[in-house]
C-alpha atoms as a PDB file:
ATOM      1  CA  MET A   1     155.719 -23.351  -7.641  1.00  0.00           C
ATOM      2  CA  THR A   2     155.795 -20.533  -5.148  1.00  0.00           C
ATOM      3  CA  ALA A   3     152.937 -18.460  -3.799  1.00  0.00           C
ATOM      4  CA  ASP A   4     154.277 -15.233  -5.272  1.00  0.00           C
ATOM      5  CA  ARG A   5     153.561 -16.500  -8.770  1.00  0.00           C
ATOM      6  CA  ILE A   6     149.827 -15.925  -8.339  1.00  0.00           C
ATOM      7  CA  ALA A   7     148.902 -13.119 -10.745  1.00  0.00           C
ATOM      8  CA  ASP A   8     147.587  -9.684  -9.739  1.00  0.00           C
ATOM      9  CA  VAL A   9     143.966 -10.801 -10.203  1.00  0.00           C
ATOM     10  CA  ALA A  10     142.380 -14.187  -9.573  1.00  0.00           C
ATOM     11  CA  VAL A  11     139.431 -14.829 -11.904  1.00  0.00           C
ATOM     12  CA  LEU A  12     136.936 -17.157 -10.200  1.00  0.00           C
ATOM     13  CA  ILE A  13     134.383 -19.170 -12.200  1.00  0.00           C
ATOM     14  CA  VAL A  14     131.952 -21.843 -11.003  1.00  0.00           C
ATOM     15  CA  GLY A  15     130.747 -24.408 -13.524  1.00  0.00           C
ATOM     16  CA  PHE A  16     128.200 -27.184 -13.525  1.00  0.00           C
ATOM     17  CA  ARG A  17     128.475 -29.476 -16.540  1.00  0.00           C
ATOM     18  CA  ASN A  18     128.577 -26.556 -18.979  1.00  0.00           C
ATOM     19  CA  PRO A  19     131.968 -26.726 -20.740  1.00  0.00           C
ATOM     20  CA  ALA A  20     130.716 -24.811 -23.802  1.00  0.00           C
ATOM     21  CA  ASP A  21     129.912 -21.786 -21.624  1.00  0.00           C
ATOM     22  CA  ILE A  22     133.300 -21.881 -19.936  1.00  0.00           C
ATOM     23  CA  LEU A  23     135.128 -22.220 -23.257  1.00  0.00           C
ATOM     24  CA  ASN A  24     133.298 -19.133 -24.505  1.00  0.00           C
ATOM     25  CA  CYS A  25     134.177 -17.222 -21.329  1.00  0.00           C
ATOM     26  CA  LEU A  26     137.849 -18.191 -21.527  1.00  0.00           C
ATOM     27  CA  THR A  27     137.892 -17.230 -25.206  1.00  0.00           C
ATOM     28  CA  GLY A  28     136.982 -13.711 -24.114  1.00  0.00           C
ATOM     29  CA  LEU A  29     139.567 -13.750 -21.334  1.00  0.00           C
ATOM     30  CA  SER A  30     142.283 -14.918 -23.714  1.00  0.00           C
ATOM     31  CA  LYS A  31     141.833 -11.664 -25.655  1.00  0.00           C
ATOM     32  CA  ALA A  32     142.042  -9.445 -22.562  1.00  0.00           C
ATOM     33  CA  ALA A  33     144.386  -6.489 -22.323  1.00  0.00           C
ATOM     34  CA  ILE A  34     147.918  -7.293 -21.201  1.00  0.00           C
ATOM     35  CA  ALA A  35     147.514  -5.602 -17.826  1.00  0.00           C
ATOM     36  CA  PRO A  36     146.553  -6.445 -15.220  1.00  0.00           C
ATOM     37  CA  GLY A  37     147.799 -10.000 -15.248  1.00  0.00           C
ATOM     38  CA  PHE A  38     145.415 -12.701 -14.095  1.00  0.00           C
ATOM     39  CA  ASP A  39     145.116 -16.408 -13.396  1.00  0.00           C
ATOM     40  CA  VAL A  40     141.843 -18.316 -13.729  1.00  0.00           C
ATOM     41  CA  PHE A  41     140.402 -20.617 -11.061  1.00  0.00           C
ATOM     42  CA  ILE A  42     137.456 -22.814 -12.033  1.00  0.00           C
ATOM     43  CA  CYS A  43     135.426 -24.947  -9.637  1.00  0.00           C
ATOM     44  CA  GLU A  44     133.563 -27.716 -11.444  1.00  0.00           C
ATOM     45  CA  ASN A  45     130.540 -28.618  -9.313  1.00  0.00           C
ATOM     46  CA  GLY A  46     129.270 -31.325 -11.648  1.00  0.00           C
ATOM     47  CA  GLY A  47     131.423 -34.270 -10.608  1.00  0.00           C
ATOM     48  CA  GLN A  48     134.528 -36.072 -11.788  1.00  0.00           C
ATOM     49  CA  THR A  49     133.297 -36.823 -15.311  1.00  0.00           C
ATOM     50  CA  ALA A  50     132.382 -33.174 -15.926  1.00  0.00           C
ATOM     51  CA  TYR A  51     135.740 -32.070 -14.494  1.00  0.00           C
ATOM     52  CA  GLU A  52     137.694 -34.386 -16.779  1.00  0.00           C
ATOM     53  CA  ARG A  53     135.646 -33.371 -19.821  1.00  0.00           C
ATOM     54  CA  LEU A  54     136.194 -29.669 -19.137  1.00  0.00           C
ATOM     55  CA  ALA A  55     139.965 -30.070 -18.900  1.00  0.00           C
ATOM     56  CA  ARG A  56     140.012 -32.218 -22.049  1.00  0.00           C
ATOM     57  CA  ASP A  57     137.832 -29.801 -24.041  1.00  0.00           C
ATOM     58  CA  LEU A  58     139.961 -26.788 -23.130  1.00  0.00           C
ATOM     59  CA  ILE A  59     143.023 -28.561 -24.519  1.00  0.00           C
ATOM     60  CA  ASP A  60     141.329 -30.203 -27.516  1.00  0.00           C
ATOM     61  CA  ARG A  61     139.877 -26.873 -28.671  1.00  0.00           C
ATOM     62  CA  GLY A  62     143.320 -25.288 -28.510  1.00  0.00           C
ATOM     63  CA  LEU A  63     142.303 -22.739 -25.885  1.00  0.00           C
ATOM     64  CA  CYS A  64     144.700 -24.125 -23.269  1.00  0.00           C
ATOM     65  CA  VAL A  65     147.827 -26.213 -23.089  1.00  0.00           C
ATOM     66  CA  ALA A  66     148.903 -28.496 -20.288  1.00  0.00           C
ATOM     67  CA  ALA A  67     151.186 -26.832 -17.762  1.00  0.00           C
ATOM     68  CA  ASN A  68     154.309 -28.350 -16.316  1.00  0.00           C
ATOM     69  CA  ASP A  69     153.716 -31.082 -13.763  1.00  0.00           C
ATOM     70  CA  GLU A  70     155.302 -29.054 -11.006  1.00  0.00           C
ATOM     71  CA  PRO A  71     153.727 -28.957  -7.551  1.00  0.00           C
ATOM     72  CA  GLY A  72     151.338 -26.079  -7.014  1.00  0.00           C
ATOM     73  CA  PRO A  73     150.533 -23.993  -3.955  1.00  0.00           C
ATOM     74  CA  PHE A  74     147.196 -25.752  -3.379  1.00  0.00           C
ATOM     75  CA  ASP A  75     146.878 -28.807  -1.136  1.00  0.00           C
ATOM     76  CA  ILE A  76     143.873 -30.859  -2.190  1.00  0.00           C
ATOM     77  CA  GLY A  77     144.252 -32.960   0.920  1.00  0.00           C
ATOM     78  CA  THR A  78     142.962 -30.084   3.045  1.00  0.00           C
ATOM     79  CA  SER A  79     140.578 -28.473   0.551  1.00  0.00           C
ATOM     80  CA  ARG A  80     137.080 -29.146  -0.746  1.00  0.00           C
ATOM     81  CA  LEU A  81     138.489 -30.074  -4.128  1.00  0.00           C
ATOM     82  CA  THR A  82     139.230 -33.727  -4.798  1.00  0.00           C
ATOM     83  CA  ASP A  83     141.387 -33.090  -7.861  1.00  0.00           C
ATOM     84  CA  ILE A  84     143.153 -30.098  -9.453  1.00  0.00           C
ATOM     85  CA  GLU A  85     144.412 -29.720 -13.028  1.00  0.00           C
ATOM     86  CA  GLN A  86     146.789 -26.916 -14.014  1.00  0.00           C
ATOM     87  CA  LEU A  87     146.615 -25.582 -17.582  1.00  0.00           C
ATOM     88  CA  GLN A  88     147.699 -22.377 -19.295  1.00  0.00           C
ATOM     89  CA  LEU A  89     145.890 -20.200 -21.812  1.00  0.00           C
ATOM     90  CA  THR A  90     147.463 -20.646 -25.227  1.00  0.00           C
ATOM     91  CA  ALA A  91     147.194 -16.963 -26.133  1.00  0.00           C
ATOM     92  CA  ARG A  92     148.690 -15.437 -22.970  1.00  0.00           C
ATOM     93  CA  PRO A  93     150.733 -16.382 -19.875  1.00  0.00           C
ATOM     94  CA  SER A  94     147.697 -16.911 -17.640  1.00  0.00           C
ATOM     95  CA  ARG A  95     147.325 -20.180 -15.821  1.00  0.00           C
ATOM     96  CA  VAL A  96     143.982 -21.946 -15.587  1.00  0.00           C
ATOM     97  CA  TRP A  97     143.391 -24.030 -12.493  1.00  0.00           C
ATOM     98  CA  ILE A  98     140.444 -26.444 -12.635  1.00  0.00           C
ATOM     99  CA  GLY A  99     139.260 -27.964  -9.374  1.00  0.00           C
ATOM    100  CA  CYS A 100     136.814 -30.839  -8.993  1.00  0.00           C
ATOM    101  CA  ALA A 101     134.432 -30.171  -6.099  1.00  0.00           C
ATOM    102  CA  ALA A 102     133.877 -33.035  -3.697  1.00  0.00           C
ATOM    103  CA  GLU A 103     130.126 -32.440  -4.136  1.00  0.00           C
ATOM    104  CA  ASN A 104     127.856 -29.781  -5.605  1.00  0.00           C
ATOM    105  CA  LEU A 105     128.889 -26.878  -3.371  1.00  0.00           C
ATOM    106  CA  GLY A 106     126.514 -24.340  -4.893  1.00  0.00           C
ATOM    107  CA  TYR A 107     127.672 -21.018  -6.301  1.00  0.00           C
ATOM    108  CA  ALA A 108     129.037 -19.447  -3.129  1.00  0.00           C
ATOM    109  CA  GLY A 109     130.630 -22.733  -2.099  1.00  0.00           C
ATOM    110  CA  GLY A 110     132.330 -23.038  -5.480  1.00  0.00           C
ATOM    111  CA  ILE A 111     133.736 -19.524  -5.154  1.00  0.00           C
ATOM    112  CA  ASN A 112     134.874 -20.159  -1.586  1.00  0.00           C
ATOM    113  CA  ALA A 113     136.539 -23.449  -2.527  1.00  0.00           C
ATOM    114  CA  TRP A 114     139.167 -21.360  -4.337  1.00  0.00           C
ATOM    115  CA  LEU A 115     138.938 -18.110  -2.416  1.00  0.00           C
ATOM    116  CA  ALA A 116     139.709 -19.650   0.988  1.00  0.00           C
ATOM    117  CA  PRO A 117     143.079 -21.135  -0.083  1.00  0.00           C
ATOM    118  CA  LEU A 118     143.905 -18.031  -2.129  1.00  0.00           C
ATOM    119  CA  LEU A 119     143.629 -15.913   1.021  1.00  0.00           C
ATOM    120  CA  LYS A 120     146.578 -17.869   2.405  1.00  0.00           C
ATOM    121  CA  LEU A 121     148.753 -16.826  -0.545  1.00  0.00           C
ATOM    122  CA  SER A 122     150.381 -13.521  -1.406  1.00  0.00           C
ATOM    123  CA  GLY A 123     150.797 -11.844  -4.779  1.00  0.00           C
ATOM    124  CA  TRP A 124     147.210 -11.047  -5.783  1.00  0.00           C
ATOM    125  CA  ARG A 125     145.305  -7.843  -5.107  1.00  0.00           C
ATOM    126  CA  GLY A 126     141.773  -8.665  -6.158  1.00  0.00           C
ATOM    127  CA  VAL A 127     139.377 -11.309  -7.434  1.00  0.00           C
ATOM    128  CA  TRP A 128     137.085 -11.092 -10.431  1.00  0.00           C
ATOM    129  CA  ILE A 129     133.949 -13.194 -10.054  1.00  0.00           C
ATOM    130  CA  LEU A 130     132.562 -14.166 -13.464  1.00  0.00           C
ATOM    131  CA  ASN A 131     129.530 -16.244 -14.323  1.00  0.00           C
ATOM    132  CA  PRO A 132     130.514 -19.073 -16.667  1.00  0.00           C
ATOM    133  CA  ASP A 133     127.995 -17.898 -19.276  1.00  0.00           C
ATOM    134  CA  THR A 134     129.664 -14.504 -19.697  1.00  0.00           C
ATOM    135  CA  LYS A 135     132.114 -13.229 -22.274  1.00  0.00           C
ATOM    136  CA  PRO A 136     134.101 -10.140 -21.233  1.00  0.00           C
ATOM    137  CA  GLU A 137     135.438  -7.621 -23.723  1.00  0.00           C
ATOM    138  CA  ALA A 138     139.165  -6.966 -23.893  1.00  0.00           C
ATOM    139  CA  HIS A 139     139.334  -4.047 -21.440  1.00  0.00           C
ATOM    140  CA  ALA A 140     136.665  -5.270 -19.006  1.00  0.00           C
ATOM    141  CA  LEU A 141     139.081  -6.210 -16.228  1.00  0.00           C
ATOM    142  CA  THR A 142     141.314  -3.179 -16.750  1.00  0.00           C
ATOM    143  CA  ALA A 143     138.340  -0.861 -16.282  1.00  0.00           C
ATOM    144  CA  LEU A 144     137.229  -2.653 -13.110  1.00  0.00           C
ATOM    145  CA  VAL A 145     140.647  -2.401 -11.484  1.00  0.00           C
ATOM    146  CA  GLU A 146     141.054   1.234 -12.506  1.00  0.00           C
ATOM    147  CA  ARG A 147     137.697   2.188 -10.956  1.00  0.00           C
ATOM    148  CA  ALA A 148     138.491   0.315  -7.755  1.00  0.00           C
ATOM    149  CA  GLU A 149     141.827   2.091  -7.409  1.00  0.00           C
ATOM    150  CA  ALA A 150     140.793   5.570  -8.570  1.00  0.00           C
ATOM    151  CA  GLY A 151     137.564   5.597  -6.584  1.00  0.00           C
ATOM    152  CA  GLY A 152     138.737   3.702  -3.519  1.00  0.00           C
ATOM    153  CA  LYS A 153     136.045   1.068  -4.041  1.00  0.00           C
ATOM    154  CA  GLY A 154     135.976  -2.359  -2.406  1.00  0.00           C
ATOM    155  CA  MET A 155     133.652  -3.883  -5.040  1.00  0.00           C
ATOM    156  CA  VAL A 156     133.092  -2.800  -8.629  1.00  0.00           C
ATOM    157  CA  GLY A 157     130.534  -3.979 -11.182  1.00  0.00           C
ATOM    158  CA  SER A 158     130.550  -4.010 -14.979  1.00  0.00           C
ATOM    159  CA  THR A 159     128.148  -2.987 -17.709  1.00  0.00           C
ATOM    160  CA  ILE A 160     126.293  -6.233 -18.357  1.00  0.00           C
ATOM    161  CA  VAL A 161     124.568  -6.734 -21.712  1.00  0.00           C
ATOM    162  CA  ASP A 162     122.532  -9.691 -22.922  1.00  0.00           C
ATOM    163  CA  GLU A 163     124.313 -11.714 -25.578  1.00  0.00           C
ATOM    164  CA  ASP A 164     121.273 -11.538 -27.878  1.00  0.00           C
ATOM    165  CA  ARG A 165     120.803  -7.751 -27.365  1.00  0.00           C
ATOM    166  CA  PRO A 166     124.350  -6.396 -26.996  1.00  0.00           C
ATOM    167  CA  GLU A 167     123.288  -2.812 -27.685  1.00  0.00           C
ATOM    168  CA  HIS A 168     121.026  -2.739 -24.624  1.00  0.00           C
ATOM    169  CA  VAL A 169     122.080  -2.680 -20.970  1.00  0.00           C
ATOM    170  CA  ARG A 170     121.022  -5.367 -18.529  1.00  0.00           C
ATOM    171  CA  PHE A 171     122.903  -3.920 -15.545  1.00  0.00           C
ATOM    172  CA  ARG A 172     124.825  -0.721 -15.027  1.00  0.00           C
ATOM    173  CA  GLY A 173     127.088  -1.986 -12.298  1.00  0.00           C
ATOM    174  CA  GLY A 174     124.562  -3.982 -10.381  1.00  0.00           C
ATOM    175  CA  LEU A 175     121.445  -4.002  -8.253  1.00  0.00           C
ATOM    176  CA  ARG A 176     119.504  -1.821  -5.895  1.00  0.00           C
ATOM    177  CA  TRP A 177     117.136  -3.226  -3.323  1.00  0.00           C
ATOM    178  CA  GLN A 178     113.619  -1.820  -3.200  1.00  0.00           C
ATOM    179  CA  ARG A 179     112.654  -1.380   0.435  1.00  0.00           C
ATOM    180  CA  LEU A 180     108.872  -1.011   0.112  1.00  0.00           C
ATOM    181  CA  ALA A 181     108.304  -3.826  -2.394  1.00  0.00           C
ATOM    182  CA  PRO A 182     111.275  -5.929  -1.278  1.00  0.00           C
ATOM    183  CA  ARG A 183     113.069  -7.190  -4.351  1.00  0.00           C
ATOM    184  CA  SER A 184     116.247  -6.486  -6.290  1.00  0.00           C
ATOM    185  CA  VAL A 185     116.055  -4.230  -9.344  1.00  0.00           C
ATOM    186  CA  PRO A 186     118.722  -4.019 -12.082  1.00  0.00           C
ATOM    187  CA  ILE A 187     120.178  -0.523 -12.405  1.00  0.00           C
ATOM    188  CA  GLY A 188     120.014   0.796 -15.959  1.00  0.00           C
ATOM    189  CA  LEU A 189     117.844  -2.013 -17.319  1.00  0.00           C
ATOM    190  CA  GLY A 190     116.929  -1.310 -20.943  1.00  0.00           C
ATOM    191  CA  ASP A 191     119.294   1.646 -21.413  1.00  0.00           C
ATOM    192  CA  HIS A 192     121.017   1.911 -24.764  1.00  0.00           C
ATOM    193  CA  LEU A 193     124.662   0.979 -24.311  1.00  0.00           C
ATOM    194  CA  GLY A 194     125.907   4.386 -25.414  1.00  0.00           C
ATOM    195  CA  ALA A 195     123.344   6.448 -23.502  1.00  0.00           C
ATOM    196  CA  PRO A 196     124.701   9.062 -21.065  1.00  0.00           C
ATOM    197  CA  HIS A 197     124.625   8.126 -17.386  1.00  0.00           C
ATOM    198  CA  ASP A 198     125.451   9.634 -14.013  1.00  0.00           C
ATOM    199  CA  LEU A 199     128.252   7.590 -12.454  1.00  0.00           C
ATOM    200  CA  LEU A 200     127.916   8.945  -8.924  1.00  0.00           C
ATOM    201  CA  SER A 201     124.127   8.501  -8.886  1.00  0.00           C
ATOM    202  CA  ILE A 202     124.492   4.889 -10.016  1.00  0.00           C
ATOM    203  CA  GLU A 203     127.097   4.144  -7.366  1.00  0.00           C
ATOM    204  CA  ASP A 204     124.982   5.839  -4.713  1.00  0.00           C
ATOM    205  CA  ALA A 205     121.955   3.713  -5.641  1.00  0.00           C
ATOM    206  CA  MET A 206     123.855   0.431  -5.828  1.00  0.00           C
ATOM    207  CA  ASP A 207     123.398  -2.181  -3.101  1.00  0.00           C
ATOM    208  CA  SER A 208     125.569  -4.762  -4.849  1.00  0.00           C
ATOM    209  CA  PRO A 209     127.440  -5.306  -8.099  1.00  0.00           C
ATOM    210  CA  SER A 210     125.879  -7.911 -10.349  1.00  0.00           C
ATOM    211  CA  GLY A 211     127.251 -11.355  -9.575  1.00  0.00           C
ATOM    212  CA  ALA A 212     127.711 -11.911 -13.310  1.00  0.00           C
ATOM    213  CA  SER A 213     130.839  -9.739 -13.093  1.00  0.00           C
ATOM    214  CA  MET A 214     132.128  -8.312  -9.845  1.00  0.00           C
ATOM    215  CA  TYR A 215     135.649  -7.232  -8.961  1.00  0.00           C
ATOM    216  CA  VAL A 216     136.510  -7.359  -5.250  1.00  0.00           C
ATOM    217  CA  THR A 217     139.723  -6.045  -3.752  1.00  0.00           C
ATOM    218  CA  ARG A 218     141.726  -8.245  -1.443  1.00  0.00           C
ATOM    219  CA  ALA A 219     141.336  -5.752   1.398  1.00  0.00           C
ATOM    220  CA  CYS A 220     137.559  -5.926   1.013  1.00  0.00           C
ATOM    221  CA  VAL A 221     137.517  -9.743   0.998  1.00  0.00           C
ATOM    222  CA  GLU A 222     139.705  -9.865   4.090  1.00  0.00           C
ATOM    223  CA  ALA A 223     137.372  -7.424   5.874  1.00  0.00           C
ATOM    224  CA  ILE A 224     133.959  -8.926   5.004  1.00  0.00           C
ATOM    225  CA  GLY A 225     134.880 -12.597   4.680  1.00  0.00           C
ATOM    226  CA  LEU A 226     133.822 -15.236   2.186  1.00  0.00           C
ATOM    227  CA  MET A 227     130.515 -15.535   0.356  1.00  0.00           C
ATOM    228  CA  ASP A 228     127.628 -16.855   2.475  1.00  0.00           C
ATOM    229  CA  GLU A 229     127.063 -20.478   1.476  1.00  0.00           C
ATOM    230  CA  ARG A 230     123.708 -20.712   3.213  1.00  0.00           C
ATOM    231  CA  TYR A 231     122.067 -19.430   0.024  1.00  0.00           C
ATOM    232  CA  PHE A 232     123.492 -22.249  -2.167  1.00  0.00           C
ATOM    233  CA  LEU A 233     122.273 -20.368  -5.298  1.00  0.00           C
ATOM    234  CA  PHE A 234     120.827 -16.853  -5.701  1.00  0.00           C
ATOM    235  CA  PHE A 235     121.189 -13.832  -3.399  1.00  0.00           C
ATOM    236  CA  GLU A 236     124.764 -14.647  -2.372  1.00  0.00           C
ATOM    237  CA  ASP A 237     126.097 -11.809  -4.553  1.00  0.00           C
ATOM    238  CA  LEU A 238     123.562  -9.334  -3.136  1.00  0.00           C
ATOM    239  CA  ASP A 239     124.418 -10.443   0.406  1.00  0.00           C
ATOM    240  CA  TRP A 240     128.148  -9.982  -0.280  1.00  0.00           C
ATOM    241  CA  GLY A 241     127.531  -6.560  -1.777  1.00  0.00           C
ATOM    242  CA  MET A 242     125.486  -5.414   1.211  1.00  0.00           C
ATOM    243  CA  ARG A 243     128.315  -6.448   3.508  1.00  0.00           C
ATOM    244  CA  ALA A 244     130.808  -4.531   1.341  1.00  0.00           C
ATOM    245  CA  LYS A 245     128.887  -1.242   1.109  1.00  0.00           C
ATOM    246  CA  ARG A 246     130.939   0.421   3.825  1.00  0.00           C
ATOM    247  CA  PHE A 247     134.059  -0.169   1.696  1.00  0.00           C
ATOM    248  CA  GLY A 248     132.507   1.448  -1.360  1.00  0.00           C
ATOM    249  CA  LEU A 249     130.615   0.018  -4.335  1.00  0.00           C
ATOM    250  CA  GLY A 250     131.706   1.163  -7.773  1.00  0.00           C
ATOM    251  CA  TYR A 251     130.673   1.018 -11.422  1.00  0.00           C
ATOM    252  CA  ALA A 252     133.120   0.689 -14.323  1.00  0.00           C
ATOM    253  CA  SER A 253     131.056   1.645 -17.365  1.00  0.00           C
ATOM    254  CA  ALA A 254     133.862   0.701 -19.776  1.00  0.00           C
ATOM    255  CA  SER A 255     133.901  -2.847 -18.427  1.00  0.00           C
ATOM    256  CA  ILE A 256     131.570  -4.516 -20.944  1.00  0.00           C
ATOM    257  CA  VAL A 257     130.535  -8.107 -20.276  1.00  0.00           C
ATOM    258  CA  SER A 258     128.071 -10.104 -22.370  1.00  0.00           C
ATOM    259  CA  HIS A 259     125.878 -12.472 -20.366  1.00  0.00           C
ATOM    260  CA  GLY A 260     123.965 -15.548 -21.488  1.00  0.00           C
ATOM    261  CA  ARG A 261     121.448 -15.103 -18.637  1.00  0.00           C
ATOM    262  CA  GLY A 262     121.282 -18.337 -16.750  1.00  0.00           C
ATOM    263  CA  THR A 263     122.583 -21.222 -18.834  1.00  0.00           C
ATOM    264  CA  THR A 264     123.990 -22.846 -15.701  1.00  0.00           C
ATOM    265  CA  THR A 265     120.639 -23.041 -13.990  1.00  0.00           C
ATOM    266  CA  GLY A 266     118.543 -23.390 -17.088  1.00  0.00           C
ATOM    267  CA  SER A 267     117.198 -20.294 -18.768  1.00  0.00           C
ATOM    268  CA  ALA A 268     113.626 -20.496 -20.009  1.00  0.00           C
ATOM    269  CA  ARG A 269     111.311 -18.671 -22.342  1.00  0.00           C
ATOM    270  CA  THR A 270     108.092 -19.813 -20.640  1.00  0.00           C
ATOM    271  CA  ALA A 271     106.998 -19.794 -17.002  1.00  0.00           C
ATOM    272  CA  ALA A 272     106.498 -23.553 -16.920  1.00  0.00           C
ATOM    273  CA  ALA A 273     110.013 -24.162 -18.235  1.00  0.00           C
ATOM    274  CA  ILE A 274     111.778 -22.257 -15.449  1.00  0.00           C
ATOM    275  CA  PRO A 275     113.493 -24.914 -13.299  1.00  0.00           C
ATOM    276  CA  LYS A 276     111.698 -25.528 -10.010  1.00  0.00           C
ATOM    277  CA  LEU A 277     114.998 -25.325  -8.120  1.00  0.00           C
ATOM    278  CA  THR A 278     115.491 -21.790  -9.444  1.00  0.00           C
ATOM    279  CA  VAL A 279     112.024 -20.696  -8.346  1.00  0.00           C
ATOM    280  CA  TYR A 280     112.272 -22.430  -4.975  1.00  0.00           C
ATOM    281  CA  LEU A 281     115.652 -20.926  -4.073  1.00  0.00           C
ATOM    282  CA  GLN A 282     114.830 -17.428  -5.278  1.00  0.00           C
ATOM    283  CA  HIS A 283     111.885 -17.256  -2.903  1.00  0.00           C
ATOM    284  CA  ARG A 284     113.434 -19.205  -0.030  1.00  0.00           C
ATOM    285  CA  ASN A 285     116.565 -17.091  -0.164  1.00  0.00           C
ATOM    286  CA  GLY A 286     114.576 -13.899  -0.534  1.00  0.00           C
ATOM    287  CA  VAL A 287     113.119 -14.605   2.905  1.00  0.00           C
ATOM    288  CA  HIS A 288     116.576 -15.355   4.303  1.00  0.00           C
ATOM    289  CA  PHE A 289     118.076 -12.166   2.808  1.00  0.00           C
ATOM    290  CA  VAL A 290     115.306  -9.887   4.083  1.00  0.00           C
ATOM    291  CA  ARG A 291     115.469 -11.392   7.554  1.00  0.00           C
ATOM    292  CA  ARG A 292     119.172 -10.613   7.654  1.00  0.00           C
ATOM    293  CA  PHE A 293     119.207  -7.073   6.311  1.00  0.00           C
ATOM    294  CA  PHE A 294     115.654  -5.690   6.410  1.00  0.00           C
ATOM    295  CA  PRO A 295     113.689  -7.729   8.997  1.00  0.00           C
ATOM    296  CA  TRP A 296     110.902  -5.148   9.158  1.00  0.00           C
ATOM    297  CA  GLY A 297     110.202  -5.864   5.466  1.00  0.00           C
ATOM    298  CA  LEU A 298     109.528  -9.589   5.853  1.00  0.00           C
ATOM    299  CA  PRO A 299     105.700  -9.368   5.542  1.00  0.00           C
ATOM    300  CA  ALA A 300     106.062  -7.348   2.347  1.00  0.00           C
ATOM    301  CA  ARG A 301     108.584  -9.835   0.982  1.00  0.00           C
ATOM    302  CA  ILE A 302     106.160 -12.702   1.587  1.00  0.00           C
ATOM    303  CA  ALA A 303     103.449 -10.713  -0.189  1.00  0.00           C
ATOM    304  CA  VAL A 304     105.747 -10.183  -3.196  1.00  0.00           C
ATOM    305  CA  SER A 305     106.410 -13.940  -3.362  1.00  0.00           C
ATOM    306  CA  LEU A 306     102.691 -14.693  -3.221  1.00  0.00           C
ATOM    307  CA  LEU A 307     102.133 -12.331  -6.154  1.00  0.00           C
ATOM    308  CA  TYR A 308     104.769 -14.258  -8.103  1.00  0.00           C
ATOM    309  CA  ALA A 309     102.980 -17.491  -7.195  1.00  0.00           C
ATOM    310  CA  VAL A 310      99.676 -16.160  -8.524  1.00  0.00           C
ATOM    311  CA  ARG A 311     101.409 -15.050 -11.713  1.00  0.00           C
ATOM    312  CA  PHE A 312     102.706 -18.586 -12.244  1.00  0.00           C
ATOM    313  CA  LEU A 313      99.137 -19.873 -11.936  1.00  0.00           C
ATOM    314  CA  ILE A 314      97.899 -17.325 -14.461  1.00  0.00           C
ATOM    315  CA  ARG A 315     100.695 -18.347 -16.830  1.00  0.00           C
ATOM    316  CA  ARG A 316      99.719 -22.013 -16.454  1.00  0.00           C
ATOM    317  CA  ALA A 317     102.736 -23.102 -14.451  1.00  0.00           C
ATOM    318  CA  PRO A 318     101.217 -24.805 -11.394  1.00  0.00           C
ATOM    319  CA  GLY A 319     104.458 -26.624 -10.596  1.00  0.00           C
ATOM    320  CA  ASN A 320     106.248 -23.334 -10.088  1.00  0.00           C
ATOM    321  CA  PHE A 321     103.306 -21.952  -8.117  1.00  0.00           C
ATOM    322  CA  ILE A 322     103.955 -24.799  -5.675  1.00  0.00           C
ATOM    323  CA  ALA A 323     107.718 -24.171  -5.792  1.00  0.00           C
ATOM    324  CA  VAL A 324     107.179 -20.548  -4.674  1.00  0.00           C
ATOM    325  CA  ILE A 325     104.965 -21.594  -1.767  1.00  0.00           C
ATOM    326  CA  LYS A 326     107.371 -24.326  -0.667  1.00  0.00           C
ATOM    327  CA  GLY A 327     110.321 -21.944  -0.992  1.00  0.00           C
ATOM    328  CA  VAL A 328     108.703 -19.293   1.203  1.00  0.00           C
ATOM    329  CA  LEU A 329     107.753 -21.866   3.825  1.00  0.00           C
ATOM    330  CA  ALA A 330     111.280 -23.297   3.795  1.00  0.00           C
ATOM    331  CA  GLY A 331     112.689 -19.806   4.265  1.00  0.00           C
ATOM    332  CA  LEU A 332     110.378 -19.129   7.191  1.00  0.00           C
ATOM    333  CA  LYS A 333     111.430 -22.443   8.755  1.00  0.00           C
ATOM    334  CA  GLY A 334     115.081 -21.438   8.419  1.00  0.00           C
ATOM    335  CA  GLU A 335     116.199 -23.947   5.784  1.00  0.00           C
ATOM    336  CA  VAL A 336     119.572 -23.001   4.281  1.00  0.00           C
ATOM    337  CA  GLY A 337     122.108 -24.623   1.989  1.00  0.00           C
ATOM    338  CA  ARG A 338     121.344 -27.191  -0.656  1.00  0.00           C
ATOM    339  CA  PRO A 339     117.741 -28.411  -0.291  1.00  0.00           C
ATOM    340  CA  GLY A 340     117.513 -32.002   0.845  1.00  0.00           C
ATOM    341  CA  TRP A 341     115.071 -32.907  -1.922  1.00  0.00           C
ATOM    342  CA  HIS A 342     117.490 -31.593  -4.558  1.00  0.00           C
ATOM    343  CA  ARG A 343     120.377 -33.520  -3.050  1.00  0.00           C
ATOM    344  CA  GLN A 344     118.361 -36.720  -3.398  1.00  0.00           C
ATOM    345  CA  GLN A 345     117.549 -36.020  -7.044  1.00  0.00           C
ATOM    346  CA  SER A 346     121.099 -35.354  -8.273  1.00  0.00           C
END
């Protein structure tokens, strides 16, 4: 196999023992418009057993077929992937590459495990980052690429809707960062899907596309570099978007993507059920992000986290109250990457 056989767009997905989500996502991708062409690159962070199950399920469910056993352009001997399986979508000529991560690399690390070797290859002009618990509509990618090219944008976000409320918007393109009460705010939250909107105002307000669906041109990736793995989970998309702002952030309203809202990390209906790792990293990484981009806002960011901690107490979730406090302290101490206590538990 030669490098020039990589499709126009590389779709990057990071999984963690959630094959049902990935099957649903690939089901959406299999119905995508003919152009642009794409190949799919999945990093399974959940270990060898999860990697083997994912490859088996994709074939057993008829979504993929095994590809020819020809050598590929990726050398696992020099990568962070211990094994690579090449499949092909049954419904279209898009290849699906599944890589088994040597360890849990986190979200940014899982993206970079494919993105770094892809940068050594020619033939592709952009990457589409998709959460595994998303399902894009048929013209989602087409709209992203068209907005990037027509508007000269380095990064473009989709219209994200919740899978259980598809008529309501979760994100129009992405996020804006509040400076005075330092936190990210979804643009367009609660809008009706068909409501009128001001494209230029949305793009002007945007600080990052939503990481659930973000298209990034090759030129932008080459200029700003890979995702920052120091976050491990959460804030890496916002960090990447902030670094890309000078290359233009765009919104493709016709790119509709349904999102399951956190099945990889464990979505929850009650405060006590939110995973402690989620709470810990959101507040640790919030400190790290603010220090990097808005250092003058650090005291306010700490105050926001303390308000979240109090809210957890009020909602009878003392474990997550503690997780907020520990996360803030870890951020202030400069802890980055996968927390040591989490590494010991999994």
